[in-house]
C-alpha atoms as a PDB file:
ATOM      1  CA  MET A   1       0.000   0.000   0.000  1.00  0.00           C
ATOM      2  CA  LYS A   2       1.289   3.437  -0.901  1.00  0.00           C
ATOM      3  CA  THR A   3       0.620   5.545   2.193  1.00  0.00           C
ATOM      4  CA  SER A   4       1.098   8.786   0.263  1.00  0.00           C
ATOM      5  CA  ASP A   5      -2.239   8.064  -1.459  1.00  0.00           C
ATOM      6  CA  LEU A   6      -4.022   7.294   1.810  1.00  0.00           C
ATOM      7  CA  LYS A   7      -7.068   9.542   2.202  1.00  0.00           C
ATOM      8  CA  ILE A   8      -8.951   9.162   5.481  1.00  0.00           C
ATOM      9  CA  LEU A   9     -11.179  12.267   5.422  1.00  0.00           C
ATOM     10  CA  SER A  10     -13.187  13.786   2.601  1.00  0.00           C
ATOM     11  CA  ASP A  11     -12.644  17.422   1.670  1.00  0.00           C
ATOM     12  CA  SER A  12     -15.940  18.385   3.332  1.00  0.00           C
ATOM     13  CA  GLU A  13     -14.945  16.539   6.537  1.00  0.00           C
ATOM     14  CA  ARG A  14     -11.586  18.345   6.616  1.00  0.00           C
ATOM     15  CA  LYS A  15     -13.318  21.712   6.103  1.00  0.00           C
ATOM     16  CA  LYS A  16     -15.777  20.926   8.900  1.00  0.00           C
ATOM     17  CA  ILE A  17     -12.945  20.019  11.296  1.00  0.00           C
ATOM     18  CA  HIS A  18     -11.099  23.208  10.335  1.00  0.00           C
ATOM     19  CA  GLN A  19     -14.202  25.347  10.924  1.00  0.00           C
ATOM     20  CA  HIS A  20     -14.821  23.776  14.335  1.00  0.00           C
ATOM     21  CA  THR A  21     -11.164  24.280  15.234  1.00  0.00           C
ATOM     22  CA  LEU A  22     -11.427  27.980  14.376  1.00  0.00           C
ATOM     23  CA  GLU A  23     -14.548  28.228  16.553  1.00  0.00           C
ATOM     24  CA  LEU A  24     -12.825  26.528  19.493  1.00  0.00           C
ATOM     25  CA  LEU A  25      -9.775  28.768  19.222  1.00  0.00           C
ATOM     26  CA  GLU A  26     -11.985  31.874  19.051  1.00  0.00           C
ATOM     27  CA  HIS A  27     -14.519  31.072  21.780  1.00  0.00           C
ATOM     28  CA  THR A  28     -12.751  28.633  24.143  1.00  0.00           C
ATOM     29  CA  GLY A  29      -9.079  29.388  23.535  1.00  0.00           C
ATOM     30  CA  ILE A  30      -6.084  27.602  24.963  1.00  0.00           C
ATOM     31  CA  ILE A  31      -4.057  27.968  28.133  1.00  0.00           C
ATOM     32  CA  VAL A  32      -0.689  29.588  27.474  1.00  0.00           C
ATOM     33  CA  GLU A  33       1.522  29.371  30.546  1.00  0.00           C
ATOM     34  CA  LEU A  34       4.377  31.584  29.343  1.00  0.00           C
ATOM     35  CA  LYS A  35       3.682  35.285  30.012  1.00  0.00           C
ATOM     36  CA  LYS A  36       6.017  36.396  27.239  1.00  0.00           C
ATOM     37  CA  MET A  37       4.061  34.310  24.734  1.00  0.00           C
ATOM     38  CA  ARG A  38       0.719  35.673  25.972  1.00  0.00           C
ATOM     39  CA  ASP A  39       2.084  39.197  25.498  1.00  0.00           C
ATOM     40  CA  MET A  40       3.270  38.383  21.979  1.00  0.00           C
ATOM     41  CA  LEU A  41      -0.113  36.887  21.093  1.00  0.00           C
ATOM     42  CA  ALA A  42      -1.928  39.908  22.520  1.00  0.00           C
ATOM     43  CA  ASP A  43       0.248  42.119  20.312  1.00  0.00           C
ATOM     44  CA  GLN A  44      -0.898  40.037  17.313  1.00  0.00           C
ATOM     45  CA  GLY A  45      -4.568  40.635  18.149  1.00  0.00           C
ATOM     46  CA  CYS A  46      -5.467  37.720  20.404  1.00  0.00           C
ATOM     47  CA  ASN A  47      -7.817  38.156  23.353  1.00  0.00           C
ATOM     48  CA  VAL A  48      -5.819  37.295  26.500  1.00  0.00           C
ATOM     49  CA  ASP A  49      -7.305  36.604  29.933  1.00  0.00           C
ATOM     50  CA  GLU A  50      -4.316  37.044  32.254  1.00  0.00           C
ATOM     51  CA  LYS A  51      -6.156  35.678  35.292  1.00  0.00           C
ATOM     52  CA  CYS A  52      -6.873  32.325  33.614  1.00  0.00           C
ATOM     53  CA  LYS A  53      -3.906  32.464  31.191  1.00  0.00           C
ATOM     54  CA  ILE A  54      -6.327  31.715  28.348  1.00  0.00           C
ATOM     55  CA  VAL A  55      -5.651  33.057  24.866  1.00  0.00           C
ATOM     56  CA  LYS A  56      -8.433  33.272  22.276  1.00  0.00           C
ATOM     57  CA  PHE A  57      -7.503  33.538  18.631  1.00  0.00           C
ATOM     58  CA  PRO A  58      -9.404  35.545  15.979  1.00  0.00           C
ATOM     59  CA  PRO A  59     -10.178  33.262  13.006  1.00  0.00           C
ATOM     60  CA  ALA A  60      -8.711  35.742  10.508  1.00  0.00           C
ATOM     61  CA  MET A  61      -5.399  35.706  12.377  1.00  0.00           C
ATOM     62  CA  VAL A  62      -5.310  31.905  12.444  1.00  0.00           C
ATOM     63  CA  GLU A  63      -6.032  31.769   8.710  1.00  0.00           C
ATOM     64  CA  GLU A  64      -3.329  34.357   8.009  1.00  0.00           C
ATOM     65  CA  PHE A  65      -0.659  32.364   9.831  1.00  0.00           C
ATOM     66  CA  VAL A  66      -1.811  29.026   8.399  1.00  0.00           C
ATOM     67  CA  ASN A  67      -1.382  30.539   4.927  1.00  0.00           C
ATOM     68  CA  LYS A  68       2.139  31.698   5.851  1.00  0.00           C
ATOM     69  CA  ALA A  69       3.223  28.238   7.049  1.00  0.00           C
ATOM     70  CA  PRO A  70       5.747  26.516   4.799  1.00  0.00           C
ATOM     71  CA  SER A  71       4.545  23.534   2.783  1.00  0.00           C
ATOM     72  CA  LYS A  72       7.625  21.566   3.842  1.00  0.00           C
ATOM     73  CA  PHE A  73      10.217  21.685   6.625  1.00  0.00           C
ATOM     74  CA  ILE A  74      12.916  19.586   8.297  1.00  0.00           C
ATOM     75  CA  LEU A  75      12.041  17.725  11.514  1.00  0.00           C
ATOM     76  CA  CYS A  76      15.141  17.028  13.601  1.00  0.00           C
ATOM     77  CA  GLY A  77      15.586  14.597  16.464  1.00  0.00           C
ATOM     78  CA  ALA A  78      17.959  14.645  19.415  1.00  0.00           C
ATOM     79  CA  ASP A  79      20.405  12.737  17.208  1.00  0.00           C
ATOM     80  CA  PRO A  80      21.620  15.284  14.615  1.00  0.00           C
ATOM     81  CA  ASP A  81      21.815  12.480  12.031  1.00  0.00           C
ATOM     82  CA  VAL A  82      18.047  11.974  12.250  1.00  0.00           C
ATOM     83  CA  GLN A  83      16.398  14.555  10.013  1.00  0.00           C
ATOM     84  CA  TRP A  84      13.271  14.046   7.989  1.00  0.00           C
ATOM     85  CA  GLN A  85      11.731  16.338   5.429  1.00  0.00           C
ATOM     86  CA  ILE A  86       8.050  16.835   6.215  1.00  0.00           C
ATOM     87  CA  LYS A  87       6.035  17.572   3.093  1.00  0.00           C
ATOM     88  CA  PRO A  88       2.483  16.950   1.857  1.00  0.00           C
ATOM     89  CA  GLU A  89       3.344  13.854  -0.166  1.00  0.00           C
ATOM     90  CA  ALA A  90       5.337  12.150   2.649  1.00  0.00           C
ATOM     91  CA  ARG A  91       4.166  10.149   5.665  1.00  0.00           C
ATOM     92  CA  VAL A  92       6.488  10.181   8.659  1.00  0.00           C
ATOM     93  CA  TRP A  93       5.667   8.227  11.791  1.00  0.00           C
ATOM     94  CA  ALA A  94       7.131   9.819  14.916  1.00  0.00           C
ATOM     95  CA  GLY A  95       6.418   9.930  18.633  1.00  0.00           C
ATOM     96  CA  LEU A  96       5.932  13.203  20.501  1.00  0.00           C
ATOM     97  CA  GLY A  97       7.064  15.213  17.486  1.00  0.00           C
ATOM     98  CA  THR A  98      10.507  13.606  17.405  1.00  0.00           C
ATOM     99  CA  PRO A  99      11.598  11.449  14.474  1.00  0.00           C
ATOM    100  CA  PHE A 100      13.065   8.078  15.289  1.00  0.00           C
ATOM    101  CA  ARG A 101      14.832   5.366  13.395  1.00  0.00           C
ATOM    102  CA  THR A 102      13.539   1.837  13.111  1.00  0.00           C
ATOM    103  CA  PRO A 103      16.022  -1.013  13.715  1.00  0.00           C
ATOM    104  CA  ALA A 104      16.275  -1.450   9.915  1.00  0.00           C
ATOM    105  CA  GLN A 105      17.238   2.220   9.509  1.00  0.00           C
ATOM    106  CA  ARG A 106      19.953   1.907  12.189  1.00  0.00           C
ATOM    107  CA  ALA A 107      21.706  -0.944  10.374  1.00  0.00           C
END
């Protein structure tokens, strides 16, 4: 099986998930523990509740930064020799955001 052709969600399902994510970020927000980051996000137009440390994101801002994100990047592990290019046509299996090598790759 070619995993690059694997399609789990339809386009309408992906759009629905994206829309609900925007709504959650705008109305519920997320807890941001680092004061410096809350300040930076407030400067970008986020609504920050300092008492609860909750940051709420305007949908237009989220869309703007999603559109600025690169289509590919290099994911590096603790071992400098482990670097994987992340791109739309690739599938990389990693734990906790860190690439790892299988026993076959170590040989």
